[in-house]
Amino acid sequence: MNYQEQVDDAVARLLGTFTVDDVNDALGVAFTAGFRTSGFSVNPTSPPGMYIEAVRNGFYNRATELVPGRYRECAVVALLASQGADANLGYHLFIAAMVGISVNDVYDILLLTGIYAGVSRLTAALRVARATFDEVINAANQGDKTPGEVFARIKKAVDG
């Protein structure tokens, strides 16, 4: 099995365990914890609270999305790669795979981004992509049951 097929197989197995909506919920939990740790109020009417609800119910919800997930993740991956946002790039590479963007398409996006952002951003993004996809494969092979477990694997692999 080639690398693309390994990642596709791992994503299919993970999607058999949890859904993209579960990924949305895990992101909402992570944002809530991050905002609270930073001292922000996260009630439903506060700006952080409204952002969290948008993540849970708008940005990543297939029923109410403004931009389809595949398009959105292509843009987000390119933006994060151009910024050198290692762990966040890894998380969005995982989300990209979950919404059906192929490994080959991810590498094409990273190469295009590298043309404009520079070789140092490109090499960093390629390192993050390989570490992320390796962890997606490991997560499926180890039977991870939640998106949070996969996010934790990615963070450890990317940030060390």
N, C-alpha and C. Protein backbone atom coordinates (compact mmCIF):
# COMPACT_ATOMS: atom_id res chain seq x y z
N MET A 1 0.84 -1.17 0.00
CA MET A 1 0.00 0.00 0.00
C MET A 1 0.89 1.24 0.00
N ASN A 2 0.63 2.20 -0.91
CA ASN A 2 1.42 3.43 -0.92
C ASN A 2 0.96 4.36 0.20
N TYR A 3 1.69 5.45 0.38
CA TYR A 3 1.43 6.35 1.51
C TYR A 3 0.03 6.95 1.44
N GLN A 4 -0.38 7.41 0.25
CA GLN A 4 -1.73 7.96 0.07
C GLN A 4 -2.77 6.93 0.52
N GLU A 5 -2.62 5.69 0.09
CA GLU A 5 -3.57 4.64 0.45
C GLU A 5 -3.55 4.36 1.96
N GLN A 6 -2.38 4.42 2.57
CA GLN A 6 -2.29 4.22 4.03
C GLN A 6 -3.05 5.31 4.78
N VAL A 7 -2.87 6.55 4.36
CA VAL A 7 -3.58 7.66 5.01
C VAL A 7 -5.08 7.54 4.75
N ASP A 8 -5.47 7.26 3.52
CA ASP A 8 -6.90 7.10 3.20
C ASP A 8 -7.53 6.00 4.04
N ASP A 9 -6.83 4.89 4.18
CA ASP A 9 -7.33 3.77 4.98
C ASP A 9 -7.47 4.18 6.45
N ALA A 10 -6.47 4.89 6.96
CA ALA A 10 -6.51 5.33 8.36
C ALA A 10 -7.67 6.30 8.58
N VAL A 11 -7.87 7.24 7.67
CA VAL A 11 -8.97 8.21 7.80
C VAL A 11 -10.30 7.47 7.76
N ALA A 12 -10.45 6.52 6.86
CA ALA A 12 -11.71 5.75 6.79
C ALA A 12 -11.97 5.02 8.09
N ARG A 13 -10.92 4.43 8.69
CA ARG A 13 -11.10 3.73 9.96
C ARG A 13 -11.45 4.70 11.08
N LEU A 14 -10.81 5.88 11.08
CA LEU A 14 -11.13 6.88 12.11
C LEU A 14 -12.55 7.40 11.94
N LEU A 15 -12.98 7.61 10.69
CA LEU A 15 -14.35 8.07 10.44
C LEU A 15 -15.37 7.00 10.83
N GLY A 16 -14.94 5.75 10.94
CA GLY A 16 -15.80 4.69 11.45
C GLY A 16 -15.92 4.75 12.97
N THR A 17 -15.02 5.48 13.61
CA THR A 17 -15.00 5.59 15.07
C THR A 17 -15.62 6.90 15.55
N PHE A 18 -15.34 7.97 14.84
CA PHE A 18 -15.91 9.29 15.17
C PHE A 18 -16.16 10.06 13.90
N THR A 19 -16.95 11.12 14.01
CA THR A 19 -17.37 11.88 12.84
C THR A 19 -16.66 13.23 12.79
N VAL A 20 -16.86 13.93 11.68
CA VAL A 20 -16.35 15.30 11.57
C VAL A 20 -17.00 16.17 12.64
N ASP A 21 -18.27 15.92 12.96
CA ASP A 21 -18.94 16.68 14.03
C ASP A 21 -18.25 16.46 15.38
N ASP A 22 -17.74 15.26 15.61
CA ASP A 22 -16.97 15.01 16.84
C ASP A 22 -15.68 15.83 16.83
N VAL A 23 -15.09 16.01 15.65
CA VAL A 23 -13.91 16.87 15.53
C VAL A 23 -14.30 18.30 15.91
N ASN A 24 -15.46 18.77 15.44
CA ASN A 24 -15.94 20.11 15.78
C ASN A 24 -16.06 20.26 17.29
N ASP A 25 -16.65 19.27 17.94
CA ASP A 25 -16.81 19.33 19.39
C ASP A 25 -15.46 19.35 20.10
N ALA A 26 -14.51 18.56 19.63
CA ALA A 26 -13.17 18.56 20.23
C ALA A 26 -12.51 19.92 20.07
N LEU A 27 -12.69 20.54 18.91
CA LEU A 27 -12.14 21.89 18.71
C LEU A 27 -12.79 22.88 19.67
N GLY A 28 -14.11 22.77 19.85
CA GLY A 28 -14.81 23.65 20.78
C GLY A 28 -14.29 23.50 22.20
N VAL A 29 -14.06 22.27 22.62
CA VAL A 29 -13.51 22.01 23.96
C VAL A 29 -12.11 22.61 24.09
N ALA A 30 -11.30 22.43 23.06
CA ALA A 30 -9.93 22.96 23.10
C ALA A 30 -9.93 24.49 23.14
N PHE A 31 -10.78 25.11 22.32
CA PHE A 31 -10.85 26.57 22.34
C PHE A 31 -11.35 27.08 23.68
N THR A 32 -12.34 26.39 24.25
CA THR A 32 -12.87 26.80 25.56
C THR A 32 -11.75 26.76 26.60
N ALA A 33 -11.02 25.68 26.64
CA ALA A 33 -9.93 25.56 27.61
C ALA A 33 -8.87 26.63 27.37
N GLY A 34 -8.52 26.87 26.12
CA GLY A 34 -7.51 27.87 25.80
C GLY A 34 -7.93 29.27 26.20
N PHE A 35 -9.17 29.62 25.91
CA PHE A 35 -9.66 30.95 26.28
C PHE A 35 -9.74 31.10 27.80
N ARG A 36 -10.23 30.05 28.48
CA ARG A 36 -10.33 30.13 29.95
C ARG A 36 -8.95 30.26 30.58
N THR A 37 -7.98 29.48 30.08
CA THR A 37 -6.62 29.56 30.60
C THR A 37 -6.05 30.96 30.43
N SER A 38 -6.46 31.62 29.37
CA SER A 38 -5.98 32.99 29.10
C SER A 38 -6.79 34.05 29.84
N GLY A 39 -7.76 33.62 30.64
CA GLY A 39 -8.53 34.55 31.46
C GLY A 39 -9.76 35.15 30.79
N PHE A 40 -10.16 34.63 29.66
CA PHE A 40 -11.33 35.15 28.96
C PHE A 40 -12.61 34.47 29.43
N SER A 41 -13.70 35.22 29.42
CA SER A 41 -15.02 34.66 29.69
C SER A 41 -15.45 33.89 28.45
N VAL A 42 -16.05 32.74 28.65
CA VAL A 42 -16.52 31.95 27.51
C VAL A 42 -18.02 31.70 27.58
N ASN A 43 -18.76 32.65 28.15
CA ASN A 43 -20.21 32.48 28.17
C ASN A 43 -20.74 32.71 26.75
N PRO A 44 -21.97 32.27 26.49
CA PRO A 44 -22.49 32.31 25.11
C PRO A 44 -22.53 33.70 24.46
N THR A 45 -22.54 34.78 25.26
CA THR A 45 -22.62 36.11 24.67
C THR A 45 -21.27 36.83 24.62
N SER A 46 -20.23 36.21 25.14
CA SER A 46 -18.90 36.83 25.07
C SER A 46 -18.29 36.56 23.69
N PRO A 47 -17.38 37.42 23.23
CA PRO A 47 -16.75 37.15 21.92
C PRO A 47 -16.10 35.76 21.85
N PRO A 48 -15.32 35.32 22.87
CA PRO A 48 -14.78 33.96 22.77
C PRO A 48 -15.88 32.90 22.73
N GLY A 49 -16.95 33.11 23.52
CA GLY A 49 -18.05 32.15 23.52
C GLY A 49 -18.74 32.06 22.17
N MET A 50 -18.92 33.21 21.54
CA MET A 50 -19.54 33.22 20.20
C MET A 50 -18.63 32.55 19.17
N TYR A 51 -17.32 32.76 19.30
CA TYR A 51 -16.38 32.11 18.39
C TYR A 51 -16.45 30.59 18.54
N ILE A 52 -16.48 30.14 19.79
CA ILE A 52 -16.55 28.69 20.06
C ILE A 52 -17.82 28.11 19.44
N GLU A 53 -18.94 28.80 19.61
CA GLU A 53 -20.19 28.32 19.02
C GLU A 53 -20.12 28.32 17.49
N ALA A 54 -19.45 29.30 16.91
CA ALA A 54 -19.29 29.33 15.46
C ALA A 54 -18.48 28.12 14.99
N VAL A 55 -17.45 27.78 15.75
CA VAL A 55 -16.65 26.60 15.40
C VAL A 55 -17.50 25.35 15.50
N ARG A 56 -18.24 25.24 16.59
CA ARG A 56 -19.06 24.04 16.79
C ARG A 56 -20.21 23.94 15.81
N ASN A 57 -20.82 25.07 15.47
CA ASN A 57 -22.07 25.02 14.71
C ASN A 57 -22.04 25.68 13.34
N GLY A 58 -20.97 26.40 13.02
CA GLY A 58 -20.98 27.13 11.77
C GLY A 58 -19.81 26.81 10.87
N PHE A 59 -18.62 27.09 11.35
CA PHE A 59 -17.45 26.92 10.49
C PHE A 59 -17.26 25.48 10.03
N TYR A 60 -17.53 24.52 10.89
CA TYR A 60 -17.22 23.13 10.58
C TYR A 60 -18.45 22.23 10.54
N ASN A 61 -19.62 22.82 10.40
CA ASN A 61 -20.84 22.04 10.38
C ASN A 61 -21.30 21.90 8.94
N ARG A 62 -21.40 20.70 8.47
CA ARG A 62 -21.75 20.49 7.06
C ARG A 62 -23.13 21.03 6.70
N ALA A 63 -24.06 21.08 7.65
CA ALA A 63 -25.42 21.53 7.35
C ALA A 63 -25.51 23.04 7.17
N THR A 64 -24.68 23.80 7.86
CA THR A 64 -24.83 25.26 7.83
C THR A 64 -23.58 25.98 7.34
N GLU A 65 -22.63 25.27 6.79
CA GLU A 65 -21.38 25.91 6.40
C GLU A 65 -21.57 26.90 5.26
N LEU A 66 -20.79 27.95 5.31
CA LEU A 66 -20.82 28.96 4.25
C LEU A 66 -19.91 28.56 3.10
N VAL A 67 -18.77 27.97 3.41
CA VAL A 67 -17.82 27.50 2.41
C VAL A 67 -17.63 26.01 2.66
N PRO A 68 -17.77 25.18 1.65
CA PRO A 68 -17.60 23.74 1.86
C PRO A 68 -16.25 23.42 2.49
N GLY A 69 -16.24 22.40 3.35
CA GLY A 69 -15.06 22.03 4.11
C GLY A 69 -13.81 21.84 3.27
N ARG A 70 -13.93 21.23 2.12
CA ARG A 70 -12.75 21.01 1.28
C ARG A 70 -12.14 22.33 0.84
N TYR A 71 -12.97 23.28 0.43
CA TYR A 71 -12.44 24.58 0.02
C TYR A 71 -11.83 25.33 1.20
N ARG A 72 -12.57 25.32 2.30
CA ARG A 72 -12.11 26.03 3.49
C ARG A 72 -10.76 25.49 3.95
N GLU A 73 -10.63 24.19 4.02
CA GLU A 73 -9.38 23.62 4.51
C GLU A 73 -8.22 23.84 3.55
N CYS A 74 -8.48 23.87 2.25
CA CYS A 74 -7.41 24.21 1.30
C CYS A 74 -6.86 25.60 1.63
N ALA A 75 -7.76 26.56 1.86
CA ALA A 75 -7.33 27.93 2.17
C ALA A 75 -6.62 27.99 3.52
N VAL A 76 -7.18 27.32 4.52
CA VAL A 76 -6.59 27.38 5.86
C VAL A 76 -5.22 26.71 5.87
N VAL A 77 -5.08 25.58 5.20
CA VAL A 77 -3.78 24.90 5.14
C VAL A 77 -2.74 25.83 4.50
N ALA A 78 -3.09 26.47 3.40
CA ALA A 78 -2.15 27.38 2.75
C ALA A 78 -1.78 28.54 3.66
N LEU A 79 -2.76 29.13 4.32
CA LEU A 79 -2.48 30.25 5.22
C LEU A 79 -1.57 29.83 6.38
N LEU A 80 -1.89 28.71 7.01
CA LEU A 80 -1.09 28.28 8.16
C LEU A 80 0.32 27.87 7.73
N ALA A 81 0.44 27.24 6.57
CA ALA A 81 1.78 26.89 6.07
C ALA A 81 2.60 28.14 5.81
N SER A 82 1.96 29.18 5.30
CA SER A 82 2.69 30.41 5.01
C SER A 82 3.12 31.14 6.27
N GLN A 83 2.45 30.86 7.39
CA GLN A 83 2.77 31.51 8.66
C GLN A 83 3.72 30.69 9.52
N GLY A 84 3.98 29.45 9.15
CA GLY A 84 4.82 28.59 9.99
C GLY A 84 4.12 28.17 11.27
N ALA A 85 2.81 27.99 11.20
CA ALA A 85 1.99 27.65 12.37
C ALA A 85 1.95 26.13 12.54
N ASP A 86 3.05 25.57 13.01
CA ASP A 86 3.26 24.12 12.99
C ASP A 86 2.11 23.28 13.56
N ALA A 87 1.80 23.39 14.84
CA ALA A 87 0.76 22.53 15.43
C ALA A 87 -0.60 22.83 14.82
N ASN A 88 -0.93 24.10 14.64
CA ASN A 88 -2.21 24.45 14.03
C ASN A 88 -2.29 23.92 12.60
N LEU A 89 -1.19 23.99 11.87
CA LEU A 89 -1.15 23.40 10.53
C LEU A 89 -1.43 21.91 10.62
N GLY A 90 -0.80 21.23 11.55
CA GLY A 90 -1.03 19.80 11.72
C GLY A 90 -2.50 19.48 12.00
N TYR A 91 -3.13 20.25 12.87
CA TYR A 91 -4.54 20.02 13.18
C TYR A 91 -5.38 20.17 11.91
N HIS A 92 -5.09 21.20 11.13
CA HIS A 92 -5.89 21.43 9.93
C HIS A 92 -5.56 20.44 8.82
N LEU A 93 -4.37 19.89 8.81
CA LEU A 93 -4.07 18.81 7.86
C LEU A 93 -4.91 17.58 8.21
N PHE A 94 -5.07 17.30 9.49
CA PHE A 94 -5.94 16.21 9.94
C PHE A 94 -7.38 16.49 9.52
N ILE A 95 -7.86 17.70 9.77
CA ILE A 95 -9.23 18.06 9.37
C ILE A 95 -9.37 17.96 7.85
N ALA A 96 -8.36 18.41 7.12
CA ALA A 96 -8.40 18.32 5.66
C ALA A 96 -8.57 16.87 5.22
N ALA A 97 -7.83 15.98 5.82
CA ALA A 97 -7.97 14.56 5.48
C ALA A 97 -9.37 14.05 5.84
N MET A 98 -9.90 14.52 6.95
CA MET A 98 -11.23 14.08 7.39
C MET A 98 -12.34 14.56 6.44
N VAL A 99 -12.12 15.69 5.77
CA VAL A 99 -13.15 16.19 4.84
C VAL A 99 -12.87 15.77 3.40
N GLY A 100 -11.87 14.91 3.20
CA GLY A 100 -11.67 14.31 1.89
C GLY A 100 -10.59 14.89 1.01
N ILE A 101 -9.71 15.71 1.56
CA ILE A 101 -8.60 16.23 0.76
C ILE A 101 -7.48 15.18 0.79
N SER A 102 -7.00 14.80 -0.37
CA SER A 102 -6.00 13.74 -0.46
C SER A 102 -4.63 14.23 -0.02
N VAL A 103 -3.80 13.30 0.35
CA VAL A 103 -2.41 13.61 0.71
C VAL A 103 -1.72 14.29 -0.47
N ASN A 104 -1.92 13.78 -1.67
CA ASN A 104 -1.29 14.39 -2.85
C ASN A 104 -1.75 15.83 -3.04
N ASP A 105 -3.04 16.09 -2.82
CA ASP A 105 -3.53 17.47 -2.94
C ASP A 105 -2.94 18.36 -1.85
N VAL A 106 -2.80 17.83 -0.64
CA VAL A 106 -2.17 18.60 0.43
C VAL A 106 -0.75 18.99 0.04
N TYR A 107 0.01 18.04 -0.48
CA TYR A 107 1.38 18.35 -0.87
C TYR A 107 1.42 19.37 -2.01
N ASP A 108 0.45 19.31 -2.94
CA ASP A 108 0.37 20.32 -3.99
C ASP A 108 0.10 21.70 -3.39
N ILE A 109 -0.81 21.77 -2.42
CA ILE A 109 -1.11 23.05 -1.75
C ILE A 109 0.14 23.57 -1.05
N LEU A 110 0.86 22.70 -0.37
CA LEU A 110 2.07 23.12 0.34
C LEU A 110 3.15 23.59 -0.62
N LEU A 111 3.30 22.90 -1.74
CA LEU A 111 4.30 23.32 -2.73
C LEU A 111 3.94 24.68 -3.32
N LEU A 112 2.68 24.89 -3.65
CA LEU A 112 2.25 26.19 -4.16
C LEU A 112 2.48 27.28 -3.11
N THR A 113 2.14 27.00 -1.87
CA THR A 113 2.37 27.96 -0.80
C THR A 113 3.85 28.27 -0.67
N GLY A 114 4.69 27.25 -0.76
CA GLY A 114 6.13 27.43 -0.65
C GLY A 114 6.71 28.32 -1.74
N ILE A 115 6.12 28.28 -2.92
CA ILE A 115 6.58 29.15 -4.01
C ILE A 115 6.45 30.61 -3.59
N TYR A 116 5.38 30.94 -2.89
CA TYR A 116 5.12 32.32 -2.50
C TYR A 116 5.69 32.67 -1.13
N ALA A 117 5.73 31.70 -0.22
CA ALA A 117 6.15 31.99 1.16
C ALA A 117 7.63 31.73 1.40
N GLY A 118 8.25 30.95 0.55
CA GLY A 118 9.68 30.69 0.71
C GLY A 118 10.00 29.25 1.09
N VAL A 119 11.22 28.88 0.81
CA VAL A 119 11.65 27.49 0.99
C VAL A 119 11.66 27.09 2.46
N SER A 120 11.95 28.00 3.37
CA SER A 120 11.97 27.62 4.78
C SER A 120 10.55 27.29 5.27
N ARG A 121 9.56 28.02 4.80
CA ARG A 121 8.17 27.70 5.15
C ARG A 121 7.75 26.38 4.51
N LEU A 122 8.19 26.17 3.28
CA LEU A 122 7.86 24.93 2.58
C LEU A 122 8.43 23.72 3.31
N THR A 123 9.71 23.76 3.64
CA THR A 123 10.32 22.59 4.29
C THR A 123 9.70 22.34 5.66
N ALA A 124 9.37 23.40 6.39
CA ALA A 124 8.71 23.24 7.69
C ALA A 124 7.33 22.62 7.50
N ALA A 125 6.58 23.10 6.52
CA ALA A 125 5.24 22.58 6.28
C ALA A 125 5.27 21.12 5.84
N LEU A 126 6.25 20.75 5.01
CA LEU A 126 6.38 19.35 4.58
C LEU A 126 6.71 18.45 5.76
N ARG A 127 7.54 18.94 6.68
CA ARG A 127 7.87 18.16 7.89
C ARG A 127 6.60 17.96 8.73
N VAL A 128 5.80 19.03 8.90
CA VAL A 128 4.56 18.93 9.67
C VAL A 128 3.59 17.98 9.00
N ALA A 129 3.48 18.05 7.68
CA ALA A 129 2.56 17.17 6.96
C ALA A 129 2.93 15.71 7.16
N ARG A 130 4.20 15.39 7.02
CA ARG A 130 4.60 13.98 7.18
C ARG A 130 4.34 13.50 8.61
N ALA A 131 4.69 14.33 9.59
CA ALA A 131 4.46 13.96 10.99
C ALA A 131 2.96 13.79 11.27
N THR A 132 2.17 14.69 10.72
CA THR A 132 0.71 14.62 10.93
C THR A 132 0.14 13.35 10.32
N PHE A 133 0.44 13.09 9.07
CA PHE A 133 -0.13 11.92 8.41
C PHE A 133 0.39 10.63 9.03
N ASP A 134 1.63 10.62 9.47
CA ASP A 134 2.13 9.45 10.20
C ASP A 134 1.31 9.21 11.46
N GLU A 135 0.96 10.28 12.16
CA GLU A 135 0.18 10.14 13.40
C GLU A 135 -1.27 9.76 13.12
N VAL A 136 -1.82 10.19 12.01
CA VAL A 136 -3.16 9.76 11.63
C VAL A 136 -3.15 8.24 11.41
N ILE A 137 -2.13 7.75 10.72
CA ILE A 137 -1.98 6.30 10.52
C ILE A 137 -1.81 5.60 11.87
N ASN A 138 -0.94 6.12 12.72
CA ASN A 138 -0.73 5.53 14.05
C ASN A 138 -2.01 5.53 14.88
N ALA A 139 -2.77 6.62 14.81
CA ALA A 139 -4.01 6.71 15.57
C ALA A 139 -4.99 5.62 15.16
N ALA A 140 -5.11 5.40 13.86
CA ALA A 140 -6.01 4.34 13.38
C ALA A 140 -5.49 2.97 13.77
N ASN A 141 -4.18 2.77 13.65
CA ASN A 141 -3.60 1.47 14.00
C ASN A 141 -3.68 1.16 15.49
N GLN A 142 -3.63 2.21 16.32
CA GLN A 142 -3.69 2.03 17.77
C GLN A 142 -5.12 2.07 18.28
N GLY A 143 -6.08 2.34 17.42
CA GLY A 143 -7.48 2.33 17.81
C GLY A 143 -7.94 3.55 18.59
N ASP A 144 -7.34 4.69 18.31
CA ASP A 144 -7.80 5.92 18.97
C ASP A 144 -9.30 6.08 18.74
N LYS A 145 -10.00 6.52 19.78
CA LYS A 145 -11.46 6.61 19.74
C LYS A 145 -12.01 8.02 19.64
N THR A 146 -11.15 9.03 19.86
CA THR A 146 -11.65 10.41 19.85
C THR A 146 -10.73 11.31 19.04
N PRO A 147 -11.29 12.39 18.50
CA PRO A 147 -10.45 13.35 17.81
C PRO A 147 -9.40 13.96 18.74
N GLY A 148 -9.75 14.14 20.00
CA GLY A 148 -8.80 14.69 20.97
C GLY A 148 -7.54 13.86 21.07
N GLU A 149 -7.68 12.54 21.00
CA GLU A 149 -6.50 11.67 21.03
C GLU A 149 -5.63 11.90 19.79
N VAL A 150 -6.26 12.09 18.66
CA VAL A 150 -5.50 12.32 17.42
C VAL A 150 -4.82 13.69 17.48
N PHE A 151 -5.55 14.71 17.95
CA PHE A 151 -4.95 16.04 18.10
C PHE A 151 -3.74 15.99 19.03
N ALA A 152 -3.85 15.24 20.12
CA ALA A 152 -2.74 15.13 21.07
C ALA A 152 -1.53 14.46 20.41
N ARG A 153 -1.77 13.43 19.62
CA ARG A 153 -0.68 12.77 18.89
C ARG A 153 0.02 13.76 17.95
N ILE A 154 -0.79 14.53 17.23
CA ILE A 154 -0.25 15.48 16.27
C ILE A 154 0.59 16.53 16.99
N LYS A 155 0.05 17.08 18.07
CA LYS A 155 0.77 18.11 18.82
C LYS A 155 2.12 17.58 19.31
N LYS A 156 2.13 16.38 19.86
CA LYS A 156 3.38 15.80 20.36
C LYS A 156 4.37 15.56 19.23
N ALA A 157 3.89 15.06 18.10
CA ALA A 157 4.79 14.79 16.98
C ALA A 157 5.35 16.05 16.36
N VAL A 158 4.53 17.09 16.31
CA VAL A 158 4.96 18.33 15.65
C VAL A 158 5.77 19.21 16.58
N ASP A 159 5.32 19.34 17.84
CA ASP A 159 5.98 20.22 18.79
C ASP A 159 7.08 19.52 19.60
N GLY A 160 7.09 18.20 19.54
CA GLY A 160 8.13 17.47 20.27
C GLY A 160 7.77 17.28 21.64
